[in-house]
């Protein structure tokens, strides 16, 4: 993940603090697709009160940056983090499909004359 591209689209200090905390915890766990962590741990590490934590978590979910599933009671919620960099780039792609298709077609005709190993790398 690209750190700068991951933090730029965040809106409030509470959202930034929660995102950083989730990134830190996920990094320590080896970048798992899904991981569990208690809300109290997130609030404490992010320095957020309960209401700010809940608003920030909902905002992150609404923007598609995380999904979470509360298990109820004293059990830790399960989190799935989405890359902000790829979420934003995929939104740009969806907004301009004609321009992108044209650019891809242009690029593919340019690489036809290149060395085979170069064309092979680009196809992956």
PDB file of N, CA and C in Angstrom:
ATOM      1  N   UNK A   1       0.827  -1.186   0.000  1.00  0.00           N
ATOM      2  CA  UNK A   1       0.000   0.000   0.000  1.00  0.00           C
ATOM      3  C   UNK A   1       0.872   1.252   0.000  1.00  0.00           C
ATOM      4  N   UNK A   2       0.379   2.293  -0.628  1.00  0.00           N
ATOM      5  CA  UNK A   2       1.064   3.573  -0.657  1.00  0.00           C
ATOM      6  C   UNK A   2       0.484   4.443   0.460  1.00  0.00           C
ATOM      7  N   UNK A   3       1.287   4.733   1.471  1.00  0.00           N
ATOM      8  CA  UNK A   3       0.833   5.416   2.675  1.00  0.00           C
ATOM      9  C   UNK A   3       0.163   6.754   2.377  1.00  0.00           C
ATOM     10  N   UNK A   4       0.795   7.585   1.563  1.00  0.00           N
ATOM     11  CA  UNK A   4       0.252   8.917   1.269  1.00  0.00           C
ATOM     12  C   UNK A   4      -1.082   8.803   0.535  1.00  0.00           C
ATOM     13  N   UNK A   5      -1.178   7.922  -0.443  1.00  0.00           N
ATOM     14  CA  UNK A   5      -2.432   7.757  -1.174  1.00  0.00           C
ATOM     15  C   UNK A   5      -3.511   7.147  -0.284  1.00  0.00           C
ATOM     16  N   UNK A   6      -3.112   6.443   0.760  1.00  0.00           N
ATOM     17  CA  UNK A   6      -4.088   5.849   1.667  1.00  0.00           C
ATOM     18  C   UNK A   6      -4.735   6.895   2.579  1.00  0.00           C
ATOM     19  N   UNK A   7      -4.001   7.944   2.972  1.00  0.00           N
ATOM     20  CA  UNK A   7      -4.557   8.876   3.952  1.00  0.00           C
ATOM     21  C   UNK A   7      -5.165  10.141   3.358  1.00  0.00           C
ATOM     22  N   UNK A   8      -4.853  10.488   2.119  1.00  0.00           N
ATOM     23  CA  UNK A   8      -5.321  11.751   1.541  1.00  0.00           C
ATOM     24  C   UNK A   8      -6.836  11.923   1.480  1.00  0.00           C
ATOM     25  N   UNK A   9      -7.643  10.915   1.141  1.00  0.00           N
ATOM     26  CA  UNK A   9      -9.079  11.164   0.966  1.00  0.00           C
ATOM     27  C   UNK A   9      -9.900  11.223   2.251  1.00  0.00           C
ATOM     28  N   UNK A  10      -9.273  11.146   3.404  1.00  0.00           N
ATOM     29  CA  UNK A  10     -10.017  11.128   4.657  1.00  0.00           C
ATOM     30  C   UNK A  10     -10.425  12.532   5.064  1.00  0.00           C
ATOM     31  N   UNK A  11     -11.619  12.653   5.690  1.00  0.00           N
ATOM     32  CA  UNK A  11     -12.217  13.974   5.876  1.00  0.00           C
ATOM     33  C   UNK A  11     -11.978  14.634   7.224  1.00  0.00           C
ATOM     34  N   UNK A  12     -12.198  13.946   8.325  1.00  0.00           N
ATOM     35  CA  UNK A  12     -12.095  14.584   9.639  1.00  0.00           C
ATOM     36  C   UNK A  12     -10.945  13.971  10.445  1.00  0.00           C
ATOM     37  N   UNK A  13     -10.569  14.658  11.511  1.00  0.00           N
ATOM     38  CA  UNK A  13      -9.466  14.146  12.334  1.00  0.00           C
ATOM     39  C   UNK A  13      -9.836  12.820  12.996  1.00  0.00           C
ATOM     40  N   UNK A  14     -11.116  12.632  13.348  1.00  0.00           N
ATOM     41  CA  UNK A  14     -11.536  11.367  13.954  1.00  0.00           C
ATOM     42  C   UNK A  14     -11.436  10.227  12.940  1.00  0.00           C
ATOM     43  N   UNK A  15     -11.829  10.490  11.691  1.00  0.00           N
ATOM     44  CA  UNK A  15     -11.740   9.475  10.641  1.00  0.00           C
ATOM     45  C   UNK A  15     -10.277   9.133  10.372  1.00  0.00           C
ATOM     46  N   UNK A  16      -9.430  10.160  10.296  1.00  0.00           N
ATOM     47  CA  UNK A  16      -7.994   9.939  10.081  1.00  0.00           C
ATOM     48  C   UNK A  16      -7.410   9.120  11.229  1.00  0.00           C
ATOM     49  N   UNK A  17      -7.742   9.478  12.458  1.00  0.00           N
ATOM     50  CA  UNK A  17      -7.216   8.767  13.627  1.00  0.00           C
ATOM     51  C   UNK A  17      -7.652   7.301  13.617  1.00  0.00           C
ATOM     52  N   UNK A  18      -8.907   7.054  13.307  1.00  0.00           N
ATOM     53  CA  UNK A  18      -9.387   5.676  13.267  1.00  0.00           C
ATOM     54  C   UNK A  18      -8.731   4.906  12.135  1.00  0.00           C
ATOM     55  N   UNK A  19      -8.604   5.522  10.957  1.00  0.00           N
ATOM     56  CA  UNK A  19      -7.968   4.853   9.811  1.00  0.00           C
ATOM     57  C   UNK A  19      -6.518   4.503  10.138  1.00  0.00           C
ATOM     58  N   UNK A  20      -5.797   5.448  10.725  1.00  0.00           N
ATOM     59  CA  UNK A  20      -4.403   5.189  11.117  1.00  0.00           C
ATOM     60  C   UNK A  20      -4.331   4.034  12.106  1.00  0.00           C
ATOM     61  N   UNK A  21      -5.239   4.017  13.052  1.00  0.00           N
ATOM     62  CA  UNK A  21      -5.250   2.965  14.064  1.00  0.00           C
ATOM     63  C   UNK A  21      -5.521   1.613  13.419  1.00  0.00           C
ATOM     64  N   UNK A  22      -6.510   1.558  12.537  1.00  0.00           N
ATOM     65  CA  UNK A  22      -6.794   0.303  11.829  1.00  0.00           C
ATOM     66  C   UNK A  22      -5.606  -0.136  10.982  1.00  0.00           C
ATOM     67  N   UNK A  23      -4.966   0.819  10.293  1.00  0.00           N
ATOM     68  CA  UNK A  23      -3.779   0.491   9.485  1.00  0.00           C
ATOM     69  C   UNK A  23      -2.662  -0.048  10.377  1.00  0.00           C
ATOM     70  N   UNK A  24      -2.443   0.592  11.516  1.00  0.00           N
ATOM     71  CA  UNK A  24      -1.390   0.173  12.437  1.00  0.00           C
ATOM     72  C   UNK A  24      -1.643  -1.256  12.943  1.00  0.00           C
ATOM     73  N   UNK A  25      -2.857  -1.518  13.359  1.00  0.00           N
ATOM     74  CA  UNK A  25      -3.195  -2.841  13.883  1.00  0.00           C
ATOM     75  C   UNK A  25      -3.090  -3.895  12.784  1.00  0.00           C
ATOM     76  N   UNK A  26      -3.599  -3.587  11.614  1.00  0.00           N
ATOM     77  CA  UNK A  26      -3.522  -4.544  10.511  1.00  0.00           C
ATOM     78  C   UNK A  26      -2.072  -4.775  10.088  1.00  0.00           C
ATOM     79  N   UNK A  27      -1.257  -3.744  10.112  1.00  0.00           N
ATOM     80  CA  UNK A  27       0.161  -3.888   9.791  1.00  0.00           C
ATOM     81  C   UNK A  27       0.838  -4.835  10.783  1.00  0.00           C
ATOM     82  N   UNK A  28       0.556  -4.655  12.065  1.00  0.00           N
ATOM     83  CA  UNK A  28       1.147  -5.530  13.089  1.00  0.00           C
ATOM     84  C   UNK A  28       0.709  -6.981  12.923  1.00  0.00           C
ATOM     85  N   UNK A  29      -0.450  -7.168  12.323  1.00  0.00           N
ATOM     86  CA  UNK A  29      -0.976  -8.531  12.123  1.00  0.00           C
ATOM     87  C   UNK A  29      -0.608  -9.105  10.764  1.00  0.00           C
ATOM     88  N   UNK A  30       0.200  -8.385  10.015  1.00  0.00           N
ATOM     89  CA  UNK A  30       0.684  -8.909   8.737  1.00  0.00           C
ATOM     90  C   UNK A  30      -0.238  -8.674   7.561  1.00  0.00           C
ATOM     91  N   UNK A  31      -1.007  -7.594   7.589  1.00  0.00           N
ATOM     92  CA  UNK A  31      -1.907  -7.199   6.503  1.00  0.00           C
ATOM     93  C   UNK A  31      -2.878  -8.312   6.133  1.00  0.00           C
ATOM     94  N   UNK A  32      -3.663  -8.704   7.094  1.00  0.00           N
ATOM     95  CA  UNK A  32      -4.709  -9.698   6.881  1.00  0.00           C
ATOM     96  C   UNK A  32      -5.885  -9.049   6.156  1.00  0.00           C
ATOM     97  N   UNK A  33      -6.564  -9.813   5.335  1.00  0.00           N
ATOM     98  CA  UNK A  33      -7.753  -9.297   4.655  1.00  0.00           C
ATOM     99  C   UNK A  33      -8.832  -8.966   5.690  1.00  0.00           C
ATOM    100  N   UNK A  34      -9.013  -9.855   6.649  1.00  0.00           N
ATOM    101  CA  UNK A  34     -10.014  -9.670   7.696  1.00  0.00           C
ATOM    102  C   UNK A  34      -9.332  -9.893   9.042  1.00  0.00           C
ATOM    103  N   UNK A  35      -9.641  -9.041  10.001  1.00  0.00           N
ATOM    104  CA  UNK A  35      -9.064  -9.184  11.329  1.00  0.00           C
ATOM    105  C   UNK A  35     -10.071  -8.697  12.361  1.00  0.00           C
ATOM    106  N   UNK A  36      -9.875  -9.112  13.603  1.00  0.00           N
ATOM    107  CA  UNK A  36     -10.772  -8.692  14.676  1.00  0.00           C
ATOM    108  C   UNK A  36     -10.022  -7.801  15.653  1.00  0.00           C
ATOM    109  N   UNK A  37     -10.749  -6.837  16.175  1.00  0.00           N
ATOM    110  CA  UNK A  37     -10.194  -5.950  17.194  1.00  0.00           C
ATOM    111  C   UNK A  37     -11.370  -5.346  17.972  1.00  0.00           C
ATOM    112  N   UNK A  38     -11.180  -5.218  19.264  1.00  0.00           N
ATOM    113  CA  UNK A  38     -12.231  -4.677  20.129  1.00  0.00           C
ATOM    114  C   UNK A  38     -12.388  -3.177  19.911  1.00  0.00           C
ATOM    115  N   UNK A  39     -13.626  -2.710  19.989  1.00  0.00           N
ATOM    116  CA  UNK A  39     -13.913  -1.280  19.833  1.00  0.00           C
ATOM    117  C   UNK A  39     -13.171  -0.464  20.887  1.00  0.00           C
ATOM    118  N   UNK A  40     -13.086  -0.979  22.110  1.00  0.00           N
ATOM    119  CA  UNK A  40     -12.378  -0.266  23.170  1.00  0.00           C
ATOM    120  C   UNK A  40     -10.912  -0.061  22.847  1.00  0.00           C
ATOM    121  N   UNK A  41     -10.295  -1.041  22.226  1.00  0.00           N
ATOM    122  CA  UNK A  41      -8.887  -0.923  21.825  1.00  0.00           C
ATOM    123  C   UNK A  41      -8.753   0.149  20.754  1.00  0.00           C
ATOM    124  N   UNK A  42      -9.638   0.130  19.763  1.00  0.00           N
ATOM    125  CA  UNK A  42      -9.586   1.143  18.702  1.00  0.00           C
ATOM    126  C   UNK A  42      -9.804   2.546  19.262  1.00  0.00           C
ATOM    127  N   UNK A  43     -10.791   2.694  20.136  1.00  0.00           N
ATOM    128  CA  UNK A  43     -11.068   4.014  20.728  1.00  0.00           C
ATOM    129  C   UNK A  43      -9.862   4.523  21.512  1.00  0.00           C
ATOM    130  N   UNK A  44      -9.276   3.638  22.318  1.00  0.00           N
ATOM    131  CA  UNK A  44      -8.144   4.043  23.142  1.00  0.00           C
ATOM    132  C   UNK A  44      -6.946   4.440  22.274  1.00  0.00           C
ATOM    133  N   UNK A  45      -6.598   3.596  21.310  1.00  0.00           N
ATOM    134  CA  UNK A  45      -5.425   3.870  20.467  1.00  0.00           C
ATOM    135  C   UNK A  45      -5.639   5.083  19.562  1.00  0.00           C
ATOM    136  N   UNK A  46      -6.894   5.307  19.133  1.00  0.00           N
ATOM    137  CA  UNK A  46      -7.186   6.456  18.268  1.00  0.00           C
ATOM    138  C   UNK A  46      -7.441   7.721  19.076  1.00  0.00           C
ATOM    139  N   UNK A  47      -7.632   7.579  20.383  1.00  0.00           N
ATOM    140  CA  UNK A  47      -7.907   8.739  21.230  1.00  0.00           C
ATOM    141  C   UNK A  47      -9.283   9.329  20.994  1.00  0.00           C
ATOM    142  N   UNK A  48     -10.261   8.460  20.739  1.00  0.00           N
ATOM    143  CA  UNK A  48     -11.606   8.932  20.411  1.00  0.00           C
ATOM    144  C   UNK A  48     -12.609   8.565  21.500  1.00  0.00           C
ATOM    145  N   UNK A  49     -13.582   9.451  21.688  1.00  0.00           N
ATOM    146  CA  UNK A  49     -14.716   9.130  22.557  1.00  0.00           C
ATOM    147  C   UNK A  49     -15.649   8.217  21.774  1.00  0.00           C
ATOM    148  N   UNK A  50     -16.556   7.571  22.481  1.00  0.00           N
ATOM    149  CA  UNK A  50     -17.431   6.587  21.871  1.00  0.00           C
ATOM    150  C   UNK A  50     -18.217   7.152  20.690  1.00  0.00           C
ATOM    151  N   UNK A  51     -18.808   8.330  20.843  1.00  0.00           N
ATOM    152  CA  UNK A  51     -19.631   8.894  19.760  1.00  0.00           C
ATOM    153  C   UNK A  51     -18.782   9.233  18.530  1.00  0.00           C
ATOM    154  N   UNK A  52     -17.599   9.804  18.730  1.00  0.00           N
ATOM    155  CA  UNK A  52     -16.716  10.144  17.608  1.00  0.00           C
ATOM    156  C   UNK A  52     -16.225   8.875  16.915  1.00  0.00           C
ATOM    157  N   UNK A  53     -15.937   7.846  17.705  1.00  0.00           N
ATOM    158  CA  UNK A  53     -15.507   6.564  17.154  1.00  0.00           C
ATOM    159  C   UNK A  53     -16.603   5.983  16.253  1.00  0.00           C
ATOM    160  N   UNK A  54     -17.835   5.978  16.750  1.00  0.00           N
ATOM    161  CA  UNK A  54     -18.938   5.406  15.977  1.00  0.00           C
ATOM    162  C   UNK A  54     -19.190   6.181  14.682  1.00  0.00           C
ATOM    163  N   UNK A  55     -19.129   7.509  14.761  1.00  0.00           N
ATOM    164  CA  UNK A  55     -19.327   8.335  13.552  1.00  0.00           C
ATOM    165  C   UNK A  55     -18.208   8.075  12.532  1.00  0.00           C
ATOM    166  N   UNK A  56     -16.969   8.021  13.018  1.00  0.00           N
ATOM    167  CA  UNK A  56     -15.833   7.794  12.116  1.00  0.00           C
ATOM    168  C   UNK A  56     -15.919   6.413  11.472  1.00  0.00           C
ATOM    169  N   UNK A  57     -16.283   5.418  12.238  1.00  0.00           N
ATOM    170  CA  UNK A  57     -16.380   4.054  11.714  1.00  0.00           C
ATOM    171  C   UNK A  57     -17.500   3.963  10.674  1.00  0.00           C
ATOM    172  N   UNK A  58     -18.621   4.612  10.933  1.00  0.00           N
ATOM    173  CA  UNK A  58     -19.723   4.609   9.967  1.00  0.00           C
ATOM    174  C   UNK A  58     -19.315   5.343   8.689  1.00  0.00           C
ATOM    175  N   UNK A  59     -18.619   6.476   8.831  1.00  0.00           N
ATOM    176  CA  UNK A  59     -18.174   7.217   7.651  1.00  0.00           C
ATOM    177  C   UNK A  59     -17.226   6.370   6.802  1.00  0.00           C
ATOM    178  N   UNK A  60     -16.282   5.692   7.448  1.00  0.00           N
ATOM    179  CA  UNK A  60     -15.359   4.829   6.710  1.00  0.00           C
ATOM    180  C   UNK A  60     -16.112   3.719   5.983  1.00  0.00           C
ATOM    181  N   UNK A  61     -17.136   3.188   6.633  1.00  0.00           N
ATOM    182  CA  UNK A  61     -17.920   2.131   5.998  1.00  0.00           C
ATOM    183  C   UNK A  61     -18.759   2.677   4.845  1.00  0.00           C
ATOM    184  N   UNK A  62     -19.390   3.821   5.040  1.00  0.00           N
ATOM    185  CA  UNK A  62     -20.223   4.416   3.988  1.00  0.00           C
ATOM    186  C   UNK A  62     -19.416   4.768   2.749  1.00  0.00           C
ATOM    187  N   UNK A  63     -18.164   5.185   2.944  1.00  0.00           N
ATOM    188  CA  UNK A  63     -17.306   5.523   1.813  1.00  0.00           C
ATOM    189  C   UNK A  63     -16.699   4.278   1.162  1.00  0.00           C
ATOM    190  N   UNK A  64     -16.920   3.129   1.778  1.00  0.00           N
ATOM    191  CA  UNK A  64     -16.428   1.881   1.205  1.00  0.00           C
ATOM    192  C   UNK A  64     -14.993   1.545   1.564  1.00  0.00           C
ATOM    193  N   UNK A  65     -14.434   2.217   2.569  1.00  0.00           N
ATOM    194  CA  UNK A  65     -13.042   1.989   2.942  1.00  0.00           C
ATOM    195  C   UNK A  65     -12.874   0.824   3.910  1.00  0.00           C
ATOM    196  N   UNK A  66     -13.919   0.534   4.670  1.00  0.00           N
ATOM    197  CA  UNK A  66     -13.903  -0.625   5.559  1.00  0.00           C
ATOM    198  C   UNK A  66     -15.284  -1.264   5.521  1.00  0.00           C
ATOM    199  N   UNK A  67     -15.321  -2.499   5.943  1.00  0.00           N
ATOM    200  CA  UNK A  67     -16.586  -3.104   6.324  1.00  0.00           C
ATOM    201  C   UNK A  67     -16.321  -3.728   7.685  1.00  0.00           C
ATOM    202  N   UNK A  68     -17.320  -3.740   8.512  1.00  0.00           N
ATOM    203  CA  UNK A  68     -17.151  -4.345   9.824  1.00  0.00           C
ATOM    204  C   UNK A  68     -18.417  -5.060  10.217  1.00  0.00           C
ATOM    205  N   UNK A  69     -18.220  -6.048  11.054  1.00  0.00           N
ATOM    206  CA  UNK A  69     -19.357  -6.809  11.545  1.00  0.00           C
ATOM    207  C   UNK A  69     -19.219  -6.932  13.054  1.00  0.00           C
ATOM    208  N   UNK A  70     -20.116  -6.283  13.757  1.00  0.00           N
ATOM    209  CA  UNK A  70     -20.119  -6.392  15.213  1.00  0.00           C
ATOM    210  C   UNK A  70     -20.669  -7.758  15.592  1.00  0.00           C
ATOM    211  N   UNK A  71     -20.051  -8.365  16.591  1.00  0.00           N
ATOM    212  CA  UNK A  71     -20.490  -9.689  17.013  1.00  0.00           C
ATOM    213  C   UNK A  71     -21.366  -9.628  18.253  1.00  0.00           C
ATOM    214  N   UNK A  72     -21.535  -8.430  18.800  1.00  0.00           N
ATOM    215  CA  UNK A  72     -22.398  -8.267  19.968  1.00  0.00           C
ATOM    216  C   UNK A  72     -21.708  -8.650  21.266  1.00  0.00           C
ATOM    217  N   UNK A  73     -22.282  -8.171  22.340  1.00  0.00           N
ATOM    218  CA  UNK A  73     -21.716  -8.476  23.659  1.00  0.00           C
ATOM    219  C   UNK A  73     -20.314  -7.922  23.804  1.00  0.00           C
ATOM    220  N   UNK A  74     -19.452  -8.708  24.389  1.00  0.00           N
ATOM    221  CA  UNK A  74     -18.066  -8.297  24.619  1.00  0.00           C
ATOM    222  C   UNK A  74     -17.113  -8.804  23.545  1.00  0.00           C
ATOM    223  N   UNK A  75     -17.630  -9.297  22.436  1.00  0.00           N
ATOM    224  CA  UNK A  75     -16.774  -9.850  21.392  1.00  0.00           C
ATOM    225  C   UNK A  75     -16.279  -8.748  20.456  1.00  0.00           C
ATOM    226  N   UNK A  76     -15.051  -8.919  19.991  1.00  0.00           N
ATOM    227  CA  UNK A  76     -14.445  -7.941  19.084  1.00  0.00           C
ATOM    228  C   UNK A  76     -15.109  -8.000  17.716  1.00  0.00           C
ATOM    229  N   UNK A  77     -15.235  -6.841  17.089  1.00  0.00           N
ATOM    230  CA  UNK A  77     -15.809  -6.764  15.741  1.00  0.00           C
ATOM    231  C   UNK A  77     -14.786  -7.261  14.725  1.00  0.00           C
ATOM    232  N   UNK A  78     -15.292  -7.741  13.605  1.00  0.00           N
ATOM    233  CA  UNK A  78     -14.439  -8.191  12.506  1.00  0.00           C
ATOM    234  C   UNK A  78     -14.381  -7.078  11.467  1.00  0.00           C
ATOM    235  N   UNK A  79     -13.165  -6.715  11.039  1.00  0.00           N
ATOM    236  CA  UNK A  79     -12.938  -5.629  10.091  1.00  0.00           C
ATOM    237  C   UNK A  79     -12.327  -6.151   8.799  1.00  0.00           C
ATOM    238  N   UNK A  80     -12.731  -5.532   7.713  1.00  0.00           N
ATOM    239  CA  UNK A  80     -12.163  -5.789   6.402  1.00  0.00           C
ATOM    240  C   UNK A  80     -11.805  -4.426   5.836  1.00  0.00           C
ATOM    241  N   UNK A  81     -10.529  -4.181   5.601  1.00  0.00           N
ATOM    242  CA  UNK A  81     -10.090  -2.879   5.094  1.00  0.00           C
ATOM    243  C   UNK A  81      -9.936  -2.925   3.589  1.00  0.00           C
ATOM    244  N   UNK A  82     -10.363  -1.859   2.948  1.00  0.00           N
ATOM    245  CA  UNK A  82     -10.199  -1.704   1.511  1.00  0.00           C
ATOM    246  C   UNK A  82      -9.109  -0.647   1.301  1.00  0.00           C
ATOM    247  N   UNK A  83      -8.320  -0.816   0.285  1.00  0.00           N
ATOM    248  CA  UNK A  83      -7.289   0.168  -0.021  1.00  0.00           C
ATOM    249  C   UNK A  83      -7.939   1.451  -0.524  1.00  0.00           C
ATOM    250  N   UNK A  84      -7.646   2.564   0.101  1.00  0.00           N
ATOM    251  CA  UNK A  84      -8.172   3.853  -0.361  1.00  0.00           C
ATOM    252  C   UNK A  84      -7.624   4.182  -1.738  1.00  0.00           C
ATOM    253  N   UNK A  85      -6.371   3.859  -1.963  1.00  0.00           N
ATOM    254  CA  UNK A  85      -5.735   4.143  -3.243  1.00  0.00           C
ATOM    255  C   UNK A  85      -6.490   3.442  -4.372  1.00  0.00           C
ATOM    256  N   UNK A  86      -6.782   2.163  -4.211  1.00  0.00           N
ATOM    257  CA  UNK A  86      -7.443   1.418  -5.273  1.00  0.00           C
ATOM    258  C   UNK A  86      -8.932   1.715  -5.343  1.00  0.00           C
ATOM    259  N   UNK A  87      -9.552   2.046  -4.227  1.00  0.00           N
ATOM    260  CA  UNK A  87     -10.964   2.422  -4.225  1.00  0.00           C
ATOM    261  C   UNK A  87     -11.155   3.690  -5.039  1.00  0.00           C
ATOM    262  N   UNK A  88     -10.314   4.682  -4.814  1.00  0.00           N
ATOM    263  CA  UNK A  88     -10.413   5.961  -5.515  1.00  0.00           C
ATOM    264  C   UNK A  88     -10.085   5.785  -6.991  1.00  0.00           C
ATOM    265  N   UNK A  89      -9.032   5.023  -7.303  1.00  0.00           N
ATOM    266  CA  UNK A  89      -8.659   4.814  -8.694  1.00  0.00           C
ATOM    267  C   UNK A  89      -9.738   4.053  -9.445  1.00  0.00           C
ATOM    268  N   UNK A  90     -10.378   3.078  -8.798  1.00  0.00           N
ATOM    269  CA  UNK A  90     -11.438   2.338  -9.487  1.00  0.00           C
ATOM    270  C   UNK A  90     -12.651   3.231  -9.721  1.00  0.00           C
ATOM    271  N   UNK A  91     -12.935   4.177  -8.809  1.00  0.00           N
ATOM    272  CA  UNK A  91     -14.028   5.125  -9.028  1.00  0.00           C
ATOM    273  C   UNK A  91     -13.718   6.006 -10.228  1.00  0.00           C
ATOM    274  N   UNK A  92     -12.464   6.418 -10.378  1.00  0.00           N
ATOM    275  CA  UNK A  92     -12.075   7.233 -11.528  1.00  0.00           C
ATOM    276  C   UNK A  92     -12.271   6.446 -12.820  1.00  0.00           C
ATOM    277  N   UNK A  93     -11.923   5.163 -12.788  1.00  0.00           N
ATOM    278  CA  UNK A  93     -12.082   4.312 -13.966  1.00  0.00           C
ATOM    279  C   UNK A  93     -13.553   4.200 -14.339  1.00  0.00           C
ATOM    280  N   UNK A  94     -14.430   3.998 -13.366  1.00  0.00           N
ATOM    281  CA  UNK A  94     -15.857   3.861 -13.642  1.00  0.00           C
ATOM    282  C   UNK A  94     -16.458   5.153 -14.179  1.00  0.00           C
ATOM    283  N   UNK A  95     -15.920   6.294 -13.753  1.00  0.00           N
ATOM    284  CA  UNK A  95     -16.446   7.581 -14.194  1.00  0.00           C
ATOM    285  C   UNK A  95     -16.096   7.912 -15.637  1.00  0.00           C
ATOM    286  N   UNK A  96     -15.020   7.342 -16.154  1.00  0.00           N
ATOM    287  CA  UNK A  96     -14.548   7.717 -17.489  1.00  0.00           C
ATOM    288  C   UNK A  96     -14.213   6.491 -18.337  1.00  0.00           C
ATOM    289  N   UNK A  97     -15.148   5.571 -18.526  1.00  0.00           N
ATOM    290  CA  UNK A  97     -14.829   4.343 -19.251  1.00  0.00           C
ATOM    291  C   UNK A  97     -14.418   4.570 -20.705  1.00  0.00           C
ATOM    292  N   UNK A  98     -15.046   5.525 -21.399  1.00  0.00           N
ATOM    293  CA  UNK A  98     -14.690   5.752 -22.799  1.00  0.00           C
ATOM    294  C   UNK A  98     -13.255   6.225 -22.938  1.00  0.00           C
ATOM    295  N   UNK A  99     -12.853   7.189 -22.099  1.00  0.00           N
ATOM    296  CA  UNK A  99     -11.493   7.715 -22.153  1.00  0.00           C
ATOM    297  C   UNK A  99     -10.484   6.624 -21.828  1.00  0.00           C
ATOM    298  N   UNK A 100     -10.793   5.788 -20.858  1.00  0.00           N
ATOM    299  CA  UNK A 100      -9.864   4.734 -20.448  1.00  0.00           C
ATOM    300  C   UNK A 100      -9.767   3.666 -21.533  1.00  0.00           C
ATOM    301  N   UNK A 101     -10.897   3.266 -22.087  1.00  0.00           N
ATOM    302  CA  UNK A 101     -10.866   2.275 -23.156  1.00  0.00           C
ATOM    303  C   UNK A 101     -10.056   2.781 -24.343  1.00  0.00           C
ATOM    304  N   UNK A 102     -10.236   4.056 -24.680  1.00  0.00           N
ATOM    305  CA  UNK A 102      -9.463   4.639 -25.775  1.00  0.00           C
ATOM    306  C   UNK A 102      -7.966   4.606 -25.452  1.00  0.00           C
ATOM    307  N   UNK A 103      -7.611   4.990 -24.231  1.00  0.00           N
ATOM    308  CA  UNK A 103      -6.205   4.986 -23.830  1.00  0.00           C
ATOM    309  C   UNK A 103      -5.643   3.569 -23.849  1.00  0.00           C
ATOM    310  N   UNK A 104      -6.414   2.592 -23.386  1.00  0.00           N
ATOM    311  CA  UNK A 104      -5.950   1.198 -23.403  1.00  0.00           C
ATOM    312  C   UNK A 104      -5.757   0.699 -24.832  1.00  0.00           C
ATOM    313  N   UNK A 105      -6.701   1.042 -25.725  1.00  0.00           N
ATOM    314  CA  UNK A 105      -6.567   0.644 -27.127  1.00  0.00           C
ATOM    315  C   UNK A 105      -5.325   1.280 -27.740  1.00  0.00           C
ATOM    316  N   UNK A 106      -5.113   2.554 -27.463  1.00  0.00           N
ATOM    317  CA  UNK A 106      -3.944   3.268 -27.971  1.00  0.00           C
ATOM    318  C   UNK A 106      -2.662   2.621 -27.453  1.00  0.00           C
ATOM    319  N   UNK A 107      -2.658   2.297 -26.168  1.00  0.00           N
ATOM    320  CA  UNK A 107      -1.474   1.694 -25.545  1.00  0.00           C
ATOM    321  C   UNK A 107      -1.204   0.309 -26.119  1.00  0.00           C
ATOM    322  N   UNK A 108      -2.253  -0.483 -26.346  1.00  0.00           N
ATOM    323  CA  UNK A 108      -2.046  -1.843 -26.849  1.00  0.00           C
ATOM    324  C   UNK A 108      -1.498  -1.825 -28.271  1.00  0.00           C
ATOM    325  N   UNK A 109      -1.876  -0.835 -29.099  1.00  0.00           N
ATOM    326  CA  UNK A 109      -1.321  -0.763 -30.449  1.00  0.00           C
ATOM    327  C   UNK A 109       0.132  -0.306 -30.391  1.00  0.00           C
ATOM    328  N   UNK A 110       0.484   0.499 -29.398  1.00  0.00           N
ATOM    329  CA  UNK A 110       1.866   0.952 -29.265  1.00  0.00           C
ATOM    330  C   UNK A 110       2.782  -0.184 -28.854  1.00  0.00           C
ATOM    331  N   UNK A 111       2.310  -1.127 -28.044  1.00  0.00           N
ATOM    332  CA  UNK A 111       3.208  -2.182 -27.547  1.00  0.00           C
ATOM    333  C   UNK A 111       3.338  -3.347 -28.514  1.00  0.00           C
ATOM    334  N   UNK A 112       2.502  -3.403 -29.548  1.00  0.00           N
ATOM    335  CA  UNK A 112       2.593  -4.508 -30.486  1.00  0.00           C
ATOM    336  C   UNK A 112       3.954  -4.577 -31.149  1.00  0.00           C
ATOM    337  N   UNK A 113       4.581  -3.454 -31.386  1.00  0.00           N
ATOM    338  CA  UNK A 113       5.878  -3.435 -32.043  1.00  0.00           C
ATOM    339  C   UNK A 113       7.049  -3.613 -31.087  1.00  0.00           C
ATOM    340  N   UNK A 114       6.811  -3.680 -29.792  1.00  0.00           N
ATOM    341  CA  UNK A 114       7.887  -3.799 -28.815  1.00  0.00           C
ATOM    342  C   UNK A 114       8.373  -5.236 -28.686  1.00  0.00           C
ATOM    343  N   UNK A 115       9.435  -5.401 -27.947  1.00  0.00           N
ATOM    344  CA  UNK A 115      10.010  -6.725 -27.710  1.00  0.00           C
ATOM    345  C   UNK A 115       8.987  -7.629 -27.024  1.00  0.00           C
ATOM    346  N   UNK A 116       8.997  -8.928 -27.324  1.00  0.00           N
ATOM    347  CA  UNK A 116       8.003  -9.840 -26.749  1.00  0.00           C
ATOM    348  C   UNK A 116       7.961  -9.853 -25.230  1.00  0.00           C
ATOM    349  N   UNK A 117       9.132  -9.778 -24.554  1.00  0.00           N
ATOM    350  CA  UNK A 117       9.107  -9.828 -23.094  1.00  0.00           C
ATOM    351  C   UNK A 117       8.417  -8.607 -22.496  1.00  0.00           C
ATOM    352  N   UNK A 118       8.507  -7.444 -23.142  1.00  0.00           N
ATOM    353  CA  UNK A 118       7.834  -6.253 -22.663  1.00  0.00           C
ATOM    354  C   UNK A 118       6.333  -6.403 -22.792  1.00  0.00           C
ATOM    355  N   UNK A 119       5.888  -6.886 -23.931  1.00  0.00           N
ATOM    356  CA  UNK A 119       4.462  -7.085 -24.149  1.00  0.00           C
ATOM    357  C   UNK A 119       3.910  -8.116 -23.179  1.00  0.00           C
ATOM    358  N   UNK A 120       4.695  -9.140 -22.867  1.00  0.00           N
ATOM    359  CA  UNK A 120       4.275 -10.155 -21.934  1.00  0.00           C
ATOM    360  C   UNK A 120       4.072  -9.568 -20.541  1.00  0.00           C
ATOM    361  N   UNK A 121       4.973  -8.721 -20.097  1.00  0.00           N
ATOM    362  CA  UNK A 121       4.853  -8.115 -18.780  1.00  0.00           C
ATOM    363  C   UNK A 121       3.619  -7.233 -18.681  1.00  0.00           C
ATOM    364  N   UNK A 122       3.305  -6.510 -19.735  1.00  0.00           N
ATOM    365  CA  UNK A 122       2.174  -5.605 -19.723  1.00  0.00           C
ATOM    366  C   UNK A 122       0.868  -6.387 -19.723  1.00  0.00           C
ATOM    367  N   UNK A 123       0.824  -7.553 -20.372  1.00  0.00           N
ATOM    368  CA  UNK A 123      -0.389  -8.350 -20.392  1.00  0.00           C
ATOM    369  C   UNK A 123      -0.769  -8.854 -19.029  1.00  0.00           C
ATOM    370  N   UNK A 124       0.180  -9.094 -18.150  1.00  0.00           N
ATOM    371  CA  UNK A 124      -0.118  -9.569 -16.791  1.00  0.00           C
ATOM    372  C   UNK A 124      -0.797  -8.495 -16.053  1.00  0.00           C
TER     373      UNK A 124
END
